[in-house]
Amino acid sequence: MMTLWGRKSSINVQKVLWALSELALIEGRDFERIDAGLHFGVNKTPEFLALNPNGLVPTLRDGELVLW
């Protein structure tokens, strides 16, 4: 399952969500979204920084592929 890190209020995360919806992918069924950034934190944890050394959202992981 794909995982997307980012809060829905982020315009950049909204762009990714739009692209996923254009591919007919549904949150909860085809991908998981994790709130990250600003008051949610998460993006400064060692686990997240291992995926995205910039510590920014959105970050998308699909199997071994990580896009940021």
PDB file of N, CA and C in Angstrom:
ATOM      1  N   MET A   1       0.846  -1.188   0.000  1.00  0.00           N
ATOM      2  CA  MET A   1       0.000   0.000   0.000  1.00  0.00           C
ATOM      3  C   MET A   1       0.883   1.241   0.000  1.00  0.00           C
ATOM      4  N   MET A   2       0.499   2.240  -0.750  1.00  0.00           N
ATOM      5  CA  MET A   2       1.203   3.518  -0.784  1.00  0.00           C
ATOM      6  C   MET A   2       0.948   4.283   0.505  1.00  0.00           C
ATOM      7  N   THR A   3       1.929   5.083   0.886  1.00  0.00           N
ATOM      8  CA  THR A   3       1.779   5.953   2.049  1.00  0.00           C
ATOM      9  C   THR A   3       2.141   7.368   1.643  1.00  0.00           C
ATOM     10  N   LEU A   4       1.290   8.315   2.007  1.00  0.00           N
ATOM     11  CA  LEU A   4       1.517   9.734   1.754  1.00  0.00           C
ATOM     12  C   LEU A   4       1.592  10.449   3.086  1.00  0.00           C
ATOM     13  N   TRP A   5       2.685  11.161   3.308  1.00  0.00           N
ATOM     14  CA  TRP A   5       2.841  11.970   4.516  1.00  0.00           C
ATOM     15  C   TRP A   5       2.548  13.409   4.149  1.00  0.00           C
ATOM     16  N   GLY A   6       1.665  14.051   4.926  1.00  0.00           N
ATOM     17  CA  GLY A   6       1.355  15.458   4.733  1.00  0.00           C
ATOM     18  C   GLY A   6      -0.042  15.783   5.201  1.00  0.00           C
ATOM     19  N   ARG A   7      -0.238  17.028   5.560  1.00  0.00           N
ATOM     20  CA  ARG A   7      -1.549  17.473   6.041  1.00  0.00           C
ATOM     21  C   ARG A   7      -2.390  17.957   4.866  1.00  0.00           C
ATOM     22  N   LYS A   8      -3.687  17.765   4.970  1.00  0.00           N
ATOM     23  CA  LYS A   8      -4.588  18.133   3.873  1.00  0.00           C
ATOM     24  C   LYS A   8      -4.596  19.627   3.595  1.00  0.00           C
ATOM     25  N   SER A   9      -4.201  20.453   4.548  1.00  0.00           N
ATOM     26  CA  SER A   9      -4.209  21.903   4.344  1.00  0.00           C
ATOM     27  C   SER A   9      -3.002  22.391   3.531  1.00  0.00           C
ATOM     28  N   SER A  10      -2.037  21.525   3.285  1.00  0.00           N
ATOM     29  CA  SER A  10      -0.858  21.901   2.498  1.00  0.00           C
ATOM     30  C   SER A  10      -1.209  21.878   1.010  1.00  0.00           C
ATOM     31  N   ILE A  11      -0.967  22.980   0.310  1.00  0.00           N
ATOM     32  CA  ILE A  11      -1.287  23.048  -1.114  1.00  0.00           C
ATOM     33  C   ILE A  11      -0.496  22.003  -1.898  1.00  0.00           C
ATOM     34  N   ASN A  12       0.727  21.722  -1.491  1.00  0.00           N
ATOM     35  CA  ASN A  12       1.522  20.719  -2.200  1.00  0.00           C
ATOM     36  C   ASN A  12       0.987  19.308  -1.975  1.00  0.00           C
ATOM     37  N   VAL A  13       0.485  19.034  -0.794  1.00  0.00           N
ATOM     38  CA  VAL A  13      -0.137  17.738  -0.522  1.00  0.00           C
ATOM     39  C   VAL A  13      -1.445  17.631  -1.300  1.00  0.00           C
ATOM     40  N   GLN A  14      -2.182  18.731  -1.402  1.00  0.00           N
ATOM     41  CA  GLN A  14      -3.429  18.727  -2.167  1.00  0.00           C
ATOM     42  C   GLN A  14      -3.170  18.369  -3.626  1.00  0.00           C
ATOM     43  N   LYS A  15      -2.052  18.802  -4.181  1.00  0.00           N
ATOM     44  CA  LYS A  15      -1.697  18.466  -5.562  1.00  0.00           C
ATOM     45  C   LYS A  15      -1.488  16.961  -5.716  1.00  0.00           C
ATOM     46  N   VAL A  16      -0.831  16.349  -4.740  1.00  0.00           N
ATOM     47  CA  VAL A  16      -0.603  14.900  -4.786  1.00  0.00           C
ATOM     48  C   VAL A  16      -1.929  14.164  -4.628  1.00  0.00           C
ATOM     49  N   LEU A  17      -2.764  14.623  -3.699  1.00  0.00           N
ATOM     50  CA  LEU A  17      -4.071  13.999  -3.512  1.00  0.00           C
ATOM     51  C   LEU A  17      -4.908  14.102  -4.788  1.00  0.00           C
ATOM     52  N   TRP A  18      -4.818  15.218  -5.476  1.00  0.00           N
ATOM     53  CA  TRP A  18      -5.534  15.397  -6.727  1.00  0.00           C
ATOM     54  C   TRP A  18      -5.040  14.395  -7.766  1.00  0.00           C
ATOM     55  N   ALA A  19      -3.712  14.265  -7.885  1.00  0.00           N
ATOM     56  CA  ALA A  19      -3.139  13.315  -8.839  1.00  0.00           C
ATOM     57  C   ALA A  19      -3.581  11.883  -8.512  1.00  0.00           C
ATOM     58  N   LEU A  20      -3.580  11.527  -7.233  1.00  0.00           N
ATOM     59  CA  LEU A  20      -4.010  10.185  -6.843  1.00  0.00           C
ATOM     60  C   LEU A  20      -5.483   9.956  -7.163  1.00  0.00           C
ATOM     61  N   SER A  21      -6.308  11.000  -6.973  1.00  0.00           N
ATOM     62  CA  SER A  21      -7.729  10.855  -7.296  1.00  0.00           C
ATOM     63  C   SER A  21      -7.938  10.728  -8.798  1.00  0.00           C
ATOM     64  N   GLU A  22      -7.114  11.394  -9.602  1.00  0.00           N
ATOM     65  CA  GLU A  22      -7.194  11.260 -11.052  1.00  0.00           C
ATOM     66  C   GLU A  22      -6.849   9.835 -11.492  1.00  0.00           C
ATOM     67  N   LEU A  23      -6.041   9.154 -10.697  1.00  0.00           N
ATOM     68  CA  LEU A  23      -5.698   7.758 -10.966  1.00  0.00           C
ATOM     69  C   LEU A  23      -6.728   6.800 -10.366  1.00  0.00           C
ATOM     70  N   ALA A  24      -7.804   7.355  -9.833  1.00  0.00           N
ATOM     71  CA  ALA A  24      -8.897   6.586  -9.213  1.00  0.00           C
ATOM     72  C   ALA A  24      -8.437   5.818  -7.984  1.00  0.00           C
ATOM     73  N   LEU A  25      -7.438   6.364  -7.282  1.00  0.00           N
ATOM     74  CA  LEU A  25      -6.971   5.755  -6.036  1.00  0.00           C
ATOM     75  C   LEU A  25      -7.713   6.398  -4.872  1.00  0.00           C
ATOM     76  N   ILE A  26      -8.126   5.584  -3.930  1.00  0.00           N
ATOM     77  CA  ILE A  26      -8.951   6.043  -2.820  1.00  0.00           C
ATOM     78  C   ILE A  26      -8.178   5.899  -1.513  1.00  0.00           C
ATOM     79  N   GLU A  27      -8.193   7.002  -0.738  1.00  0.00           N
ATOM     80  CA  GLU A  27      -7.529   6.992   0.563  1.00  0.00           C
ATOM     81  C   GLU A  27      -8.189   5.958   1.459  1.00  0.00           C
ATOM     82  N   GLY A  28      -7.394   5.158   2.125  1.00  0.00           N
ATOM     83  CA  GLY A  28      -7.902   4.112   2.998  1.00  0.00           C
ATOM     84  C   GLY A  28      -8.014   2.766   2.301  1.00  0.00           C
ATOM     85  N   ARG A  29      -8.191   2.787   0.986  1.00  0.00           N
ATOM     86  CA  ARG A  29      -8.253   1.542   0.223  1.00  0.00           C
ATOM     87  C   ARG A  29      -6.958   1.314  -0.556  1.00  0.00           C
ATOM     88  N   ASP A  30      -6.516   2.348  -1.277  1.00  0.00           N
ATOM     89  CA  ASP A  30      -5.343   2.222  -2.140  1.00  0.00           C
ATOM     90  C   ASP A  30      -4.094   2.875  -1.560  1.00  0.00           C
ATOM     91  N   PHE A  31      -4.294   3.839  -0.679  1.00  0.00           N
ATOM     92  CA  PHE A  31      -3.156   4.496  -0.037  1.00  0.00           C
ATOM     93  C   PHE A  31      -3.566   4.993   1.335  1.00  0.00           C
ATOM     94  N   GLU A  32      -2.548   5.174   2.159  1.00  0.00           N
ATOM     95  CA  GLU A  32      -2.729   5.679   3.521  1.00  0.00           C
ATOM     96  C   GLU A  32      -2.119   7.070   3.572  1.00  0.00           C
ATOM     97  N   ARG A  33      -2.790   8.008   4.238  1.00  0.00           N
ATOM     98  CA  ARG A  33      -2.233   9.347   4.431  1.00  0.00           C
ATOM     99  C   ARG A  33      -1.970   9.560   5.906  1.00  0.00           C
ATOM    100  N   ILE A  34      -0.789  10.057   6.201  1.00  0.00           N
ATOM    101  CA  ILE A  34      -0.399  10.322   7.585  1.00  0.00           C
ATOM    102  C   ILE A  34      -0.206  11.820   7.737  1.00  0.00           C
ATOM    103  N   ASP A  35      -0.901  12.426   8.705  1.00  0.00           N
ATOM    104  CA  ASP A  35      -0.729  13.856   8.964  1.00  0.00           C
ATOM    105  C   ASP A  35       0.703  14.111   9.400  1.00  0.00           C
ATOM    106  N   ALA A  36       1.356  15.045   8.730  1.00  0.00           N
ATOM    107  CA  ALA A  36       2.743  15.397   9.060  1.00  0.00           C
ATOM    108  C   ALA A  36       2.961  16.857   8.697  1.00  0.00           C
ATOM    109  N   GLY A  37       3.863  17.488   9.403  1.00  0.00           N
ATOM    110  CA  GLY A  37       4.177  18.887   9.148  1.00  0.00           C
ATOM    111  C   GLY A  37       3.481  19.805  10.130  1.00  0.00           C
ATOM    112  N   LEU A  38       4.021  21.012  10.262  1.00  0.00           N
ATOM    113  CA  LEU A  38       3.528  22.033  11.186  1.00  0.00           C
ATOM    114  C   LEU A  38       3.218  21.444  12.556  1.00  0.00           C
ATOM    115  N   HIS A  39       1.998  21.625  13.060  1.00  0.00           N
ATOM    116  CA  HIS A  39       1.675  21.188  14.433  1.00  0.00           C
ATOM    117  C   HIS A  39       1.553  19.675  14.569  1.00  0.00           C
ATOM    118  N   PHE A  40       1.501  18.936  13.449  1.00  0.00           N
ATOM    119  CA  PHE A  40       1.451  17.475  13.528  1.00  0.00           C
ATOM    120  C   PHE A  40       2.824  16.882  13.824  1.00  0.00           C
ATOM    121  N   GLY A  41       3.872  17.644  13.519  1.00  0.00           N
ATOM    122  CA  GLY A  41       5.221  17.118  13.711  1.00  0.00           C
ATOM    123  C   GLY A  41       5.502  16.016  12.711  1.00  0.00           C
ATOM    124  N   VAL A  42       6.045  14.928  13.167  1.00  0.00           N
ATOM    125  CA  VAL A  42       6.375  13.724  12.393  1.00  0.00           C
ATOM    126  C   VAL A  42       7.528  13.961  11.430  1.00  0.00           C
ATOM    127  N   ASN A  43       7.546  15.091  10.728  1.00  0.00           N
ATOM    128  CA  ASN A  43       8.533  15.306   9.671  1.00  0.00           C
ATOM    129  C   ASN A  43       9.937  15.600  10.194  1.00  0.00           C
ATOM    130  N   LYS A  44      10.120  15.681  11.474  1.00  0.00           N
ATOM    131  CA  LYS A  44      11.465  15.880  12.043  1.00  0.00           C
ATOM    132  C   LYS A  44      11.953  14.634  12.783  1.00  0.00           C
ATOM    133  N   THR A  45      11.195  13.542  12.712  1.00  0.00           N
ATOM    134  CA  THR A  45      11.600  12.308  13.370  1.00  0.00           C
ATOM    135  C   THR A  45      12.689  11.618  12.548  1.00  0.00           C
ATOM    136  N   PRO A  46      13.541  10.843  13.185  1.00  0.00           N
ATOM    137  CA  PRO A  46      14.592  10.122  12.449  1.00  0.00           C
ATOM    138  C   PRO A  46      14.026   9.193  11.374  1.00  0.00           C
ATOM    139  N   GLU A  47      12.877   8.580  11.640  1.00  0.00           N
ATOM    140  CA  GLU A  47      12.274   7.674  10.666  1.00  0.00           C
ATOM    141  C   GLU A  47      11.852   8.424   9.403  1.00  0.00           C
ATOM    142  N   PHE A  48      11.237   9.603   9.578  1.00  0.00           N
ATOM    143  CA  PHE A  48      10.813  10.390   8.427  1.00  0.00           C
ATOM    144  C   PHE A  48      12.022  10.949   7.689  1.00  0.00           C
ATOM    145  N   LEU A  49      12.999  11.446   8.422  1.00  0.00           N
ATOM    146  CA  LEU A  49      14.192  12.014   7.788  1.00  0.00           C
ATOM    147  C   LEU A  49      14.982  10.967   7.009  1.00  0.00           C
ATOM    148  N   ALA A  50      14.836   9.688   7.371  1.00  0.00           N
ATOM    149  CA  ALA A  50      15.466   8.621   6.590  1.00  0.00           C
ATOM    150  C   ALA A  50      14.791   8.495   5.228  1.00  0.00           C
ATOM    151  N   LEU A  51      13.499   8.804   5.150  1.00  0.00           N
ATOM    152  CA  LEU A  51      12.766   8.789   3.879  1.00  0.00           C
ATOM    153  C   LEU A  51      13.008  10.069   3.087  1.00  0.00           C
ATOM    154  N   ASN A  52      12.960  11.198   3.767  1.00  0.00           N
ATOM    155  CA  ASN A  52      13.100  12.499   3.133  1.00  0.00           C
ATOM    156  C   ASN A  52      14.040  13.354   3.970  1.00  0.00           C
ATOM    157  N   PRO A  53      15.309  13.430   3.589  1.00  0.00           N
ATOM    158  CA  PRO A  53      16.283  14.169   4.388  1.00  0.00           C
ATOM    159  C   PRO A  53      15.993  15.667   4.487  1.00  0.00           C
ATOM    160  N   ASN A  54      15.122  16.191   3.629  1.00  0.00           N
ATOM    161  CA  ASN A  54      14.746  17.605   3.705  1.00  0.00           C
ATOM    162  C   ASN A  54      13.722  17.862   4.807  1.00  0.00           C
ATOM    163  N   GLY A  55      13.038  16.809   5.253  1.00  0.00           N
ATOM    164  CA  GLY A  55      12.052  16.949   6.315  1.00  0.00           C
ATOM    165  C   GLY A  55      10.804  17.698   5.882  1.00  0.00           C
ATOM    166  N   LEU A  56      10.486  17.655   4.585  1.00  0.00           N
ATOM    167  CA  LEU A  56       9.332  18.385   4.067  1.00  0.00           C
ATOM    168  C   LEU A  56       8.240  17.432   3.604  1.00  0.00           C
ATOM    169  N   VAL A  57       7.016  17.964   3.522  1.00  0.00           N
ATOM    170  CA  VAL A  57       5.899  17.212   2.953  1.00  0.00           C
ATOM    171  C   VAL A  57       5.532  17.879   1.634  1.00  0.00           C
ATOM    172  N   PRO A  58       4.957  17.153   0.711  1.00  0.00           N
ATOM    173  CA  PRO A  58       4.566  15.763   0.792  1.00  0.00           C
ATOM    174  C   PRO A  58       5.719  14.813   0.547  1.00  0.00           C
ATOM    175  N   THR A  59       5.590  13.635   1.104  1.00  0.00           N
ATOM    176  CA  THR A  59       6.481  12.511   0.827  1.00  0.00           C
ATOM    177  C   THR A  59       5.588  11.318   0.540  1.00  0.00           C
ATOM    178  N   LEU A  60       5.890  10.618  -0.537  1.00  0.00           N
ATOM    179  CA  LEU A  60       5.074   9.489  -0.972  1.00  0.00           C
ATOM    180  C   LEU A  60       5.964   8.265  -1.094  1.00  0.00           C
ATOM    181  N   ARG A  61       5.545   7.166  -0.449  1.00  0.00           N
ATOM    182  CA  ARG A  61       6.278   5.904  -0.559  1.00  0.00           C
ATOM    183  C   ARG A  61       5.364   4.859  -1.189  1.00  0.00           C
ATOM    184  N   ASP A  62       5.881   4.236  -2.237  1.00  0.00           N
ATOM    185  CA  ASP A  62       5.172   3.158  -2.910  1.00  0.00           C
ATOM    186  C   ASP A  62       6.163   2.001  -3.017  1.00  0.00           C
ATOM    187  N   GLY A  63       6.079   1.070  -2.098  1.00  0.00           N
ATOM    188  CA  GLY A  63       7.056  -0.013  -2.052  1.00  0.00           C
ATOM    189  C   GLY A  63       8.431   0.534  -1.728  1.00  0.00           C
ATOM    190  N   GLU A  64       9.397   0.292  -2.603  1.00  0.00           N
ATOM    191  CA  GLU A  64      10.765   0.771  -2.398  1.00  0.00           C
ATOM    192  C   GLU A  64      10.971   2.194  -2.918  1.00  0.00           C
ATOM    193  N   LEU A  65      10.029   2.703  -3.719  1.00  0.00           N
ATOM    194  CA  LEU A  65      10.131   4.032  -4.317  1.00  0.00           C
ATOM    195  C   LEU A  65       9.655   5.091  -3.314  1.00  0.00           C
ATOM    196  N   VAL A  66      10.488   6.092  -3.087  1.00  0.00           N
ATOM    197  CA  VAL A  66      10.117   7.212  -2.219  1.00  0.00           C
ATOM    198  C   VAL A  66      10.289   8.501  -3.021  1.00  0.00           C
ATOM    199  N   LEU A  67       9.208   9.292  -3.113  1.00  0.00           N
ATOM    200  CA  LEU A  67       9.239  10.578  -3.811  1.00  0.00           C
ATOM    201  C   LEU A  67       9.043  11.692  -2.810  1.00  0.00           C
ATOM    202  N   TRP A  68       9.852  12.751  -2.949  1.00  0.00           N
ATOM    203  CA  TRP A  68       9.694  13.932  -2.114  1.00  0.00           C
ATOM    204  C   TRP A  68      10.038  15.168  -2.883  1.00  0.00           C
TER     205      TRP A  68
END
